[in-house]
């Protein structure tokens, strides 16, 4: 739904249709390290020669199982992704890519969870706490240190908590 809504918002008043093209290239179930490795191995993002990249992480890094990522490693992965997007190695750059391009990055904070009681033990109160106290502050700092724009889903959605039942799927994690 999100990419479709973004496309509509960006192109509503465009004099020439479409002014913007929105491509959704999220990777379901990936944590930050898996996304970094996927982009290093197969630079699909660069084929689009993007002007803007919206970089959104989910909750897979805070799972309470073998997929959990330490905060230190999460920050390293996020920094590496930003660098890879803005400064891809020559061997990854496909034909047709604008040399020297540094796409603008909009770095998104991780949305809060609306986790109903009894939905399992993979995402817990500890997961929510890590998002609020460790990962989102690290993302805000990364954005500030690198001059990136921030879409602060955490802040926006926390202010709209009464609307969460309509915004979240039954799992309390996905929209």
N, C-alpha and C. Protein backbone atom coordinates (compact mmCIF):
# COMPACT_ATOMS: atom_id res chain seq x y z
N UNK A 1 0.82 -1.20 0.00
CA UNK A 1 0.00 0.00 0.00
C UNK A 1 0.86 1.26 0.00
N UNK A 2 1.96 1.25 0.79
CA UNK A 2 2.78 2.45 0.96
C UNK A 2 3.32 2.99 -0.37
N UNK A 3 3.95 2.15 -1.22
CA UNK A 3 4.47 2.70 -2.49
C UNK A 3 3.37 3.30 -3.37
N UNK A 4 2.21 2.66 -3.38
CA UNK A 4 1.09 3.18 -4.18
C UNK A 4 0.65 4.55 -3.65
N UNK A 5 0.55 4.68 -2.33
CA UNK A 5 0.14 5.95 -1.73
C UNK A 5 1.20 7.03 -1.99
N UNK A 6 2.47 6.67 -1.91
CA UNK A 6 3.54 7.63 -2.18
C UNK A 6 3.49 8.07 -3.64
N UNK A 7 3.29 7.14 -4.55
CA UNK A 7 3.18 7.47 -5.97
C UNK A 7 2.03 8.44 -6.21
N UNK A 8 0.88 8.16 -5.61
CA UNK A 8 -0.30 9.04 -5.76
C UNK A 8 -0.01 10.43 -5.21
N UNK A 9 0.61 10.50 -4.03
CA UNK A 9 0.89 11.80 -3.40
C UNK A 9 1.87 12.62 -4.23
N UNK A 10 2.89 11.98 -4.76
CA UNK A 10 3.90 12.70 -5.53
C UNK A 10 3.40 13.15 -6.89
N UNK A 11 2.45 12.43 -7.45
CA UNK A 11 2.01 12.71 -8.82
C UNK A 11 0.65 13.39 -8.94
N UNK A 12 -0.01 13.65 -7.82
CA UNK A 12 -1.36 14.22 -7.85
C UNK A 12 -1.43 15.51 -8.65
N UNK A 13 -0.52 16.44 -8.38
CA UNK A 13 -0.57 17.73 -9.05
C UNK A 13 0.52 17.89 -10.11
N UNK A 14 1.08 16.79 -10.56
CA UNK A 14 2.15 16.85 -11.55
C UNK A 14 1.59 17.32 -12.89
N UNK A 15 2.24 18.33 -13.50
CA UNK A 15 1.76 18.82 -14.79
C UNK A 15 1.91 17.78 -15.89
N UNK A 16 2.89 16.93 -15.78
CA UNK A 16 3.12 15.88 -16.75
C UNK A 16 3.09 14.55 -16.01
N UNK A 17 2.26 13.65 -16.43
CA UNK A 17 2.08 12.38 -15.72
C UNK A 17 2.95 11.29 -16.29
N UNK A 18 3.55 10.45 -15.53
CA UNK A 18 3.87 10.70 -14.12
C UNK A 18 5.17 11.50 -14.01
N UNK A 19 5.20 12.41 -13.08
CA UNK A 19 6.41 13.18 -12.82
C UNK A 19 7.42 12.32 -12.08
N UNK A 20 6.90 11.47 -11.18
CA UNK A 20 7.75 10.56 -10.40
C UNK A 20 7.33 9.13 -10.67
N UNK A 21 8.31 8.23 -10.63
CA UNK A 21 8.02 6.80 -10.68
C UNK A 21 8.50 6.20 -9.36
N UNK A 22 7.60 5.51 -8.68
CA UNK A 22 7.93 4.90 -7.40
C UNK A 22 8.08 3.40 -7.61
N UNK A 23 9.22 2.87 -7.18
CA UNK A 23 9.47 1.43 -7.26
C UNK A 23 9.61 0.90 -5.84
N UNK A 24 8.88 -0.13 -5.54
CA UNK A 24 8.96 -0.77 -4.23
C UNK A 24 9.87 -1.97 -4.35
N UNK A 25 10.97 -1.94 -3.65
CA UNK A 25 11.95 -3.03 -3.74
C UNK A 25 12.30 -3.57 -2.36
N UNK A 26 11.32 -3.54 -1.46
CA UNK A 26 11.54 -4.07 -0.12
C UNK A 26 11.80 -5.57 -0.16
N UNK A 27 12.44 -6.07 0.85
CA UNK A 27 12.76 -7.48 0.95
C UNK A 27 12.12 -8.04 2.22
N UNK A 28 11.01 -8.69 2.05
CA UNK A 28 10.26 -9.26 3.17
C UNK A 28 11.12 -10.24 3.95
N UNK A 29 11.13 -10.11 5.26
CA UNK A 29 11.82 -11.03 6.12
C UNK A 29 13.31 -10.77 6.28
N UNK A 30 13.85 -9.78 5.57
CA UNK A 30 15.28 -9.49 5.67
C UNK A 30 15.58 -8.62 6.88
N UNK A 31 16.72 -8.86 7.51
CA UNK A 31 17.21 -7.91 8.49
C UNK A 31 18.23 -7.01 7.76
N UNK A 32 18.82 -6.07 8.47
CA UNK A 32 19.71 -5.10 7.82
C UNK A 32 20.93 -5.76 7.18
N UNK A 33 21.48 -6.78 7.82
CA UNK A 33 22.64 -7.47 7.26
C UNK A 33 22.31 -8.23 5.99
N UNK A 34 21.14 -8.85 5.97
CA UNK A 34 20.71 -9.58 4.78
C UNK A 34 20.45 -8.62 3.62
N UNK A 35 19.86 -7.47 3.92
CA UNK A 35 19.61 -6.48 2.88
C UNK A 35 20.94 -5.96 2.31
N UNK A 36 21.88 -5.67 3.19
CA UNK A 36 23.20 -5.21 2.75
C UNK A 36 23.86 -6.24 1.85
N UNK A 37 23.84 -7.49 2.27
CA UNK A 37 24.47 -8.55 1.47
C UNK A 37 23.78 -8.72 0.12
N UNK A 38 22.45 -8.64 0.11
CA UNK A 38 21.70 -8.76 -1.14
C UNK A 38 22.06 -7.64 -2.11
N UNK A 39 22.19 -6.43 -1.60
CA UNK A 39 22.51 -5.30 -2.47
C UNK A 39 23.96 -5.37 -2.96
N UNK A 40 24.84 -5.91 -2.14
CA UNK A 40 26.23 -6.08 -2.57
C UNK A 40 26.34 -7.15 -3.66
N UNK A 41 25.58 -8.22 -3.49
CA UNK A 41 25.66 -9.34 -4.43
C UNK A 41 24.95 -9.06 -5.75
N UNK A 42 23.89 -8.29 -5.68
CA UNK A 42 23.07 -8.04 -6.86
C UNK A 42 22.52 -6.62 -6.77
N UNK A 43 23.16 -5.66 -7.36
CA UNK A 43 22.79 -4.26 -7.16
C UNK A 43 21.54 -3.83 -7.95
N UNK A 44 20.44 -4.51 -7.68
CA UNK A 44 19.18 -4.21 -8.40
C UNK A 44 18.76 -2.77 -8.24
N UNK A 45 19.04 -2.17 -7.10
CA UNK A 45 18.61 -0.79 -6.86
C UNK A 45 19.24 0.17 -7.87
N UNK A 46 20.50 -0.07 -8.20
CA UNK A 46 21.22 0.84 -9.09
C UNK A 46 20.68 0.82 -10.52
N UNK A 47 20.02 -0.26 -10.90
CA UNK A 47 19.46 -0.33 -12.26
C UNK A 47 18.45 0.78 -12.51
N UNK A 48 17.83 1.27 -11.44
CA UNK A 48 16.81 2.30 -11.58
C UNK A 48 17.40 3.71 -11.64
N UNK A 49 18.71 3.84 -11.37
CA UNK A 49 19.37 5.14 -11.39
C UNK A 49 18.53 6.16 -10.61
N UNK A 50 18.27 5.87 -9.32
CA UNK A 50 17.29 6.67 -8.57
C UNK A 50 17.78 8.06 -8.20
N UNK A 51 16.84 8.99 -8.13
CA UNK A 51 17.10 10.33 -7.60
C UNK A 51 16.99 10.30 -6.08
N UNK A 52 16.02 9.52 -5.59
CA UNK A 52 15.75 9.43 -4.15
C UNK A 52 15.56 7.96 -3.78
N UNK A 53 16.14 7.58 -2.65
CA UNK A 53 15.95 6.24 -2.11
C UNK A 53 15.37 6.39 -0.71
N UNK A 54 14.23 5.76 -0.47
CA UNK A 54 13.65 5.72 0.87
C UNK A 54 14.13 4.43 1.50
N UNK A 55 14.92 4.55 2.56
CA UNK A 55 15.50 3.39 3.22
C UNK A 55 14.75 3.14 4.52
N UNK A 56 13.97 2.07 4.53
CA UNK A 56 13.11 1.73 5.66
C UNK A 56 13.50 0.37 6.22
N UNK A 57 13.83 0.33 7.49
CA UNK A 57 14.10 -0.93 8.17
C UNK A 57 12.85 -1.35 8.91
N UNK A 58 12.71 -2.66 9.12
CA UNK A 58 11.58 -3.18 9.86
C UNK A 58 12.01 -3.74 11.20
N UNK A 59 11.27 -4.70 11.68
CA UNK A 59 11.51 -5.25 13.01
C UNK A 59 12.36 -6.51 13.01
N UNK A 60 12.80 -6.98 11.86
CA UNK A 60 13.55 -8.23 11.83
C UNK A 60 14.88 -8.17 12.57
N UNK A 61 15.45 -6.98 12.74
CA UNK A 61 16.69 -6.86 13.49
C UNK A 61 16.50 -7.00 14.99
N UNK A 62 15.28 -6.85 15.48
CA UNK A 62 15.02 -6.92 16.93
C UNK A 62 14.28 -8.18 17.33
N UNK A 63 14.22 -9.15 16.45
CA UNK A 63 13.59 -10.43 16.77
C UNK A 63 14.33 -11.09 17.93
N UNK A 64 13.61 -11.79 18.76
CA UNK A 64 14.21 -12.50 19.89
C UNK A 64 14.49 -13.95 19.49
N UNK A 65 15.27 -14.12 18.43
CA UNK A 65 15.66 -15.45 17.97
C UNK A 65 17.01 -15.33 17.27
N UNK A 66 17.38 -16.30 16.49
CA UNK A 66 18.69 -16.32 15.84
C UNK A 66 18.89 -15.20 14.83
N UNK A 67 17.82 -14.51 14.41
CA UNK A 67 17.97 -13.41 13.45
C UNK A 67 18.30 -12.08 14.11
N UNK A 68 18.28 -12.02 15.43
CA UNK A 68 18.52 -10.76 16.13
C UNK A 68 19.88 -10.17 15.75
N UNK A 69 19.91 -8.86 15.58
CA UNK A 69 21.12 -8.14 15.23
C UNK A 69 21.48 -7.23 16.40
N UNK A 70 22.74 -7.22 16.80
CA UNK A 70 23.16 -6.31 17.87
C UNK A 70 23.01 -4.87 17.37
N UNK A 71 22.86 -3.95 18.29
CA UNK A 71 22.72 -2.55 17.91
C UNK A 71 23.97 -2.08 17.17
N UNK A 72 25.14 -2.48 17.64
CA UNK A 72 26.38 -2.09 16.97
C UNK A 72 26.39 -2.58 15.52
N UNK A 73 26.01 -3.84 15.30
CA UNK A 73 26.00 -4.39 13.96
C UNK A 73 24.92 -3.71 13.10
N UNK A 74 23.76 -3.42 13.68
CA UNK A 74 22.70 -2.73 12.96
C UNK A 74 23.20 -1.38 12.44
N UNK A 75 23.87 -0.62 13.31
CA UNK A 75 24.39 0.69 12.91
C UNK A 75 25.42 0.53 11.80
N UNK A 76 26.31 -0.45 11.92
CA UNK A 76 27.30 -0.70 10.88
C UNK A 76 26.63 -1.06 9.55
N UNK A 77 25.59 -1.90 9.61
CA UNK A 77 24.86 -2.27 8.40
C UNK A 77 24.17 -1.06 7.77
N UNK A 78 23.54 -0.25 8.59
CA UNK A 78 22.84 0.94 8.08
C UNK A 78 23.82 1.90 7.42
N UNK A 79 24.96 2.13 8.08
CA UNK A 79 25.99 3.01 7.50
C UNK A 79 26.49 2.44 6.17
N UNK A 80 26.73 1.15 6.14
CA UNK A 80 27.23 0.51 4.92
C UNK A 80 26.20 0.61 3.79
N UNK A 81 24.92 0.47 4.11
CA UNK A 81 23.88 0.60 3.08
C UNK A 81 23.85 2.02 2.53
N UNK A 82 23.92 3.01 3.39
CA UNK A 82 23.93 4.40 2.94
C UNK A 82 25.13 4.63 2.03
N UNK A 83 26.29 4.16 2.44
CA UNK A 83 27.50 4.33 1.63
C UNK A 83 27.39 3.60 0.29
N UNK A 84 26.86 2.40 0.32
CA UNK A 84 26.72 1.62 -0.91
C UNK A 84 25.76 2.29 -1.89
N UNK A 85 24.70 2.87 -1.38
CA UNK A 85 23.73 3.56 -2.24
C UNK A 85 24.34 4.83 -2.83
N UNK A 86 25.08 5.57 -2.02
CA UNK A 86 25.62 6.84 -2.49
C UNK A 86 26.97 6.72 -3.18
N UNK A 87 27.71 5.67 -2.88
CA UNK A 87 29.05 5.51 -3.45
C UNK A 87 29.27 4.06 -3.89
N UNK A 88 28.50 3.60 -4.87
CA UNK A 88 28.64 2.19 -5.26
C UNK A 88 30.00 1.92 -5.90
N UNK A 89 30.60 0.77 -5.58
CA UNK A 89 31.86 0.41 -6.23
C UNK A 89 31.65 0.29 -7.74
N UNK A 90 32.66 0.69 -8.49
CA UNK A 90 32.55 0.69 -9.97
C UNK A 90 32.10 -0.66 -10.52
N UNK A 91 32.55 -1.76 -9.90
CA UNK A 91 32.19 -3.08 -10.42
C UNK A 91 30.70 -3.40 -10.23
N UNK A 92 30.00 -2.64 -9.38
CA UNK A 92 28.57 -2.87 -9.19
C UNK A 92 27.71 -1.97 -10.07
N UNK A 93 28.31 -0.93 -10.64
CA UNK A 93 27.53 0.05 -11.39
C UNK A 93 27.14 -0.50 -12.75
N UNK A 94 25.81 -0.58 -13.02
CA UNK A 94 25.37 -1.11 -14.31
C UNK A 94 25.46 -0.06 -15.42
N UNK A 95 25.39 -0.52 -16.66
CA UNK A 95 25.35 0.40 -17.81
C UNK A 95 24.14 1.31 -17.67
N UNK A 96 24.30 2.56 -18.02
CA UNK A 96 23.19 3.50 -17.97
C UNK A 96 23.09 4.25 -16.65
N UNK A 97 23.89 3.88 -15.66
CA UNK A 97 23.85 4.56 -14.38
C UNK A 97 24.62 5.87 -14.50
N UNK A 98 24.08 6.93 -13.93
CA UNK A 98 24.70 8.23 -14.01
C UNK A 98 25.94 8.24 -13.12
N UNK A 99 27.10 8.34 -13.72
CA UNK A 99 28.35 8.30 -12.96
C UNK A 99 28.41 9.46 -11.98
N UNK A 100 28.84 9.15 -10.78
CA UNK A 100 28.96 10.17 -9.74
C UNK A 100 27.65 10.52 -9.06
N UNK A 101 26.58 9.86 -9.44
CA UNK A 101 25.28 10.16 -8.83
C UNK A 101 25.31 9.79 -7.36
N UNK A 102 24.74 10.64 -6.55
CA UNK A 102 24.55 10.35 -5.13
C UNK A 102 23.08 10.56 -4.85
N UNK A 103 22.29 9.50 -4.95
CA UNK A 103 20.86 9.68 -4.71
C UNK A 103 20.61 10.24 -3.31
N UNK A 104 19.62 11.09 -3.23
CA UNK A 104 19.19 11.58 -1.92
C UNK A 104 18.59 10.40 -1.18
N UNK A 105 18.92 10.27 0.09
CA UNK A 105 18.36 9.18 0.90
C UNK A 105 17.45 9.75 1.96
N UNK A 106 16.26 9.19 2.03
CA UNK A 106 15.33 9.48 3.12
C UNK A 106 15.41 8.27 4.04
N UNK A 107 15.96 8.47 5.22
CA UNK A 107 16.13 7.39 6.18
C UNK A 107 14.94 7.38 7.12
N UNK A 108 14.26 6.25 7.18
CA UNK A 108 13.06 6.13 8.00
C UNK A 108 13.36 5.48 9.34
N UNK A 109 12.74 5.99 10.38
CA UNK A 109 12.83 5.30 11.66
C UNK A 109 11.92 4.07 11.59
N UNK A 110 12.18 3.13 12.48
CA UNK A 110 11.38 1.91 12.53
C UNK A 110 10.06 2.23 13.22
N UNK A 111 8.94 1.90 12.59
CA UNK A 111 7.65 2.20 13.21
C UNK A 111 7.48 1.44 14.53
N UNK A 112 6.73 2.03 15.47
CA UNK A 112 6.44 1.31 16.70
C UNK A 112 5.57 0.10 16.40
N UNK A 113 5.58 -0.87 17.30
CA UNK A 113 4.74 -2.06 17.11
C UNK A 113 3.45 -1.89 17.88
N UNK A 114 2.39 -2.38 17.33
CA UNK A 114 1.09 -2.44 17.99
C UNK A 114 0.82 -3.91 18.27
N UNK A 115 1.70 -4.51 19.04
CA UNK A 115 1.71 -5.96 19.23
C UNK A 115 0.65 -6.37 20.24
N UNK A 116 -0.41 -7.01 19.78
CA UNK A 116 -1.41 -7.50 20.73
C UNK A 116 -0.83 -8.59 21.61
N UNK A 117 -1.33 -8.69 22.82
CA UNK A 117 -0.88 -9.73 23.75
C UNK A 117 -1.10 -11.11 23.13
N UNK A 118 -0.16 -11.99 23.37
CA UNK A 118 -0.33 -13.37 22.95
C UNK A 118 -0.05 -13.66 21.49
N UNK A 119 0.73 -12.79 20.80
CA UNK A 119 1.00 -13.07 19.38
C UNK A 119 2.30 -13.81 19.17
N UNK A 120 2.87 -14.33 20.22
CA UNK A 120 4.10 -15.11 20.07
C UNK A 120 5.25 -14.48 20.82
N UNK A 121 6.41 -15.11 20.72
CA UNK A 121 7.55 -14.64 21.49
C UNK A 121 8.73 -14.19 20.64
N UNK A 122 8.54 -14.04 19.35
CA UNK A 122 9.65 -13.61 18.48
C UNK A 122 9.87 -12.10 18.62
N UNK A 123 8.80 -11.34 18.71
CA UNK A 123 8.89 -9.90 18.95
C UNK A 123 8.26 -9.64 20.32
N UNK A 124 9.02 -8.99 21.19
CA UNK A 124 8.61 -8.84 22.58
C UNK A 124 8.69 -7.38 23.02
N UNK A 125 8.38 -7.16 24.27
CA UNK A 125 8.55 -5.83 24.85
C UNK A 125 9.99 -5.38 24.77
N UNK A 126 10.92 -6.32 24.90
CA UNK A 126 12.34 -6.00 24.76
C UNK A 126 12.64 -5.52 23.34
N UNK A 127 11.98 -6.12 22.36
CA UNK A 127 12.14 -5.68 20.96
C UNK A 127 11.67 -4.24 20.80
N UNK A 128 10.49 -3.95 21.34
CA UNK A 128 9.95 -2.59 21.27
C UNK A 128 10.88 -1.59 21.95
N UNK A 129 11.42 -1.98 23.09
CA UNK A 129 12.32 -1.11 23.84
C UNK A 129 13.59 -0.82 23.03
N UNK A 130 14.15 -1.84 22.38
CA UNK A 130 15.34 -1.64 21.56
C UNK A 130 15.08 -0.68 20.40
N UNK A 131 13.90 -0.81 19.78
CA UNK A 131 13.55 0.10 18.69
C UNK A 131 13.54 1.54 19.20
N UNK A 132 12.85 1.78 20.29
CA UNK A 132 12.70 3.14 20.84
C UNK A 132 14.00 3.72 21.39
N UNK A 133 14.74 2.90 22.14
CA UNK A 133 15.88 3.42 22.89
C UNK A 133 17.23 3.26 22.20
N UNK A 134 17.33 2.35 21.23
CA UNK A 134 18.62 2.10 20.60
C UNK A 134 18.62 2.33 19.09
N UNK A 135 17.76 1.60 18.36
CA UNK A 135 17.85 1.64 16.90
C UNK A 135 17.38 2.96 16.31
N UNK A 136 16.22 3.46 16.74
CA UNK A 136 15.74 4.72 16.17
C UNK A 136 16.65 5.90 16.51
N UNK A 137 17.15 6.02 17.76
CA UNK A 137 18.12 7.09 18.01
C UNK A 137 19.37 6.94 17.13
N UNK A 138 19.82 5.71 16.90
CA UNK A 138 20.98 5.49 16.03
C UNK A 138 20.68 5.91 14.59
N UNK A 139 19.47 5.63 14.11
CA UNK A 139 19.09 6.05 12.75
C UNK A 139 19.02 7.57 12.64
N UNK A 140 18.46 8.22 13.66
CA UNK A 140 18.40 9.69 13.64
C UNK A 140 19.82 10.29 13.62
N UNK A 141 20.72 9.71 14.41
CA UNK A 141 22.10 10.19 14.46
C UNK A 141 22.79 9.96 13.11
N UNK A 142 22.60 8.78 12.53
CA UNK A 142 23.18 8.48 11.22
C UNK A 142 22.71 9.51 10.19
N UNK A 143 21.42 9.83 10.21
CA UNK A 143 20.88 10.82 9.27
C UNK A 143 21.51 12.19 9.51
N UNK A 144 21.59 12.60 10.77
CA UNK A 144 22.17 13.90 11.08
C UNK A 144 23.64 13.97 10.69
N UNK A 145 24.39 12.91 10.97
CA UNK A 145 25.82 12.88 10.66
C UNK A 145 26.10 12.89 9.17
N UNK A 146 25.14 12.41 8.37
CA UNK A 146 25.36 12.28 6.91
C UNK A 146 24.49 13.21 6.08
N UNK A 147 23.79 14.13 6.71
CA UNK A 147 22.96 15.08 5.98
C UNK A 147 21.79 14.43 5.25
N UNK A 148 21.25 13.36 5.83
CA UNK A 148 20.13 12.66 5.21
C UNK A 148 18.81 13.19 5.75
N UNK A 149 17.78 13.13 4.94
CA UNK A 149 16.44 13.46 5.41
C UNK A 149 15.92 12.29 6.25
N UNK A 150 15.00 12.59 7.16
CA UNK A 150 14.42 11.56 8.03
C UNK A 150 12.91 11.56 7.88
N UNK A 151 12.36 10.37 7.70
CA UNK A 151 10.91 10.17 7.81
C UNK A 151 10.74 9.47 9.16
N UNK A 152 10.28 10.21 10.15
CA UNK A 152 10.25 9.69 11.52
C UNK A 152 8.92 8.99 11.79
N UNK A 153 8.82 7.75 11.28
CA UNK A 153 7.60 6.96 11.49
C UNK A 153 7.32 6.75 12.96
N UNK A 154 8.37 6.59 13.75
CA UNK A 154 8.20 6.38 15.19
C UNK A 154 7.45 7.56 15.80
N UNK A 155 7.91 8.77 15.52
CA UNK A 155 7.28 9.97 16.08
C UNK A 155 5.86 10.16 15.55
N UNK A 156 5.70 10.06 14.25
CA UNK A 156 4.38 10.29 13.64
C UNK A 156 3.35 9.28 14.16
N UNK A 157 3.73 8.01 14.16
CA UNK A 157 2.77 6.98 14.56
C UNK A 157 2.52 6.96 16.06
N UNK A 158 3.50 7.35 16.85
CA UNK A 158 3.28 7.44 18.29
C UNK A 158 2.23 8.51 18.59
N UNK A 159 2.24 9.60 17.82
CA UNK A 159 1.24 10.65 17.99
C UNK A 159 -0.15 10.21 17.52
N UNK A 160 -0.22 9.18 16.69
CA UNK A 160 -1.50 8.71 16.15
C UNK A 160 -1.89 7.35 16.75
N UNK A 161 -1.50 7.11 17.99
CA UNK A 161 -1.69 5.80 18.60
C UNK A 161 -3.17 5.35 18.60
N UNK A 162 -4.08 6.29 18.73
CA UNK A 162 -5.51 5.92 18.72
C UNK A 162 -5.95 5.32 17.40
N UNK A 163 -5.22 5.61 16.32
CA UNK A 163 -5.57 5.10 14.99
C UNK A 163 -4.91 3.75 14.68
N UNK A 164 -4.08 3.24 15.57
CA UNK A 164 -3.35 2.02 15.29
C UNK A 164 -4.22 0.83 14.92
N UNK A 165 -5.37 0.63 15.55
CA UNK A 165 -6.19 -0.53 15.14
C UNK A 165 -6.56 -0.50 13.65
N UNK A 166 -6.71 0.68 13.08
CA UNK A 166 -7.04 0.79 11.66
C UNK A 166 -5.79 0.76 10.77
N UNK A 167 -4.63 1.07 11.34
CA UNK A 167 -3.41 1.16 10.55
C UNK A 167 -2.63 -0.15 10.47
N UNK A 168 -2.71 -0.96 11.54
CA UNK A 168 -1.89 -2.17 11.62
C UNK A 168 -2.70 -3.42 11.29
N UNK A 169 -2.00 -4.40 10.70
CA UNK A 169 -2.59 -5.72 10.50
C UNK A 169 -2.71 -6.41 11.86
N UNK A 170 -3.36 -7.53 11.89
CA UNK A 170 -3.62 -8.24 13.15
C UNK A 170 -2.33 -8.62 13.88
N UNK A 171 -1.20 -8.76 13.15
CA UNK A 171 0.04 -9.13 13.82
C UNK A 171 0.67 -7.98 14.61
N UNK A 172 0.15 -6.76 14.43
CA UNK A 172 0.65 -5.62 15.18
C UNK A 172 1.98 -5.08 14.69
N UNK A 173 2.49 -5.61 13.60
CA UNK A 173 3.80 -5.22 13.08
C UNK A 173 3.67 -4.60 11.68
N UNK A 174 2.90 -5.25 10.82
CA UNK A 174 2.77 -4.79 9.44
C UNK A 174 1.55 -3.87 9.30
N UNK A 175 1.64 -2.97 8.34
CA UNK A 175 0.52 -2.05 8.10
C UNK A 175 -0.54 -2.70 7.24
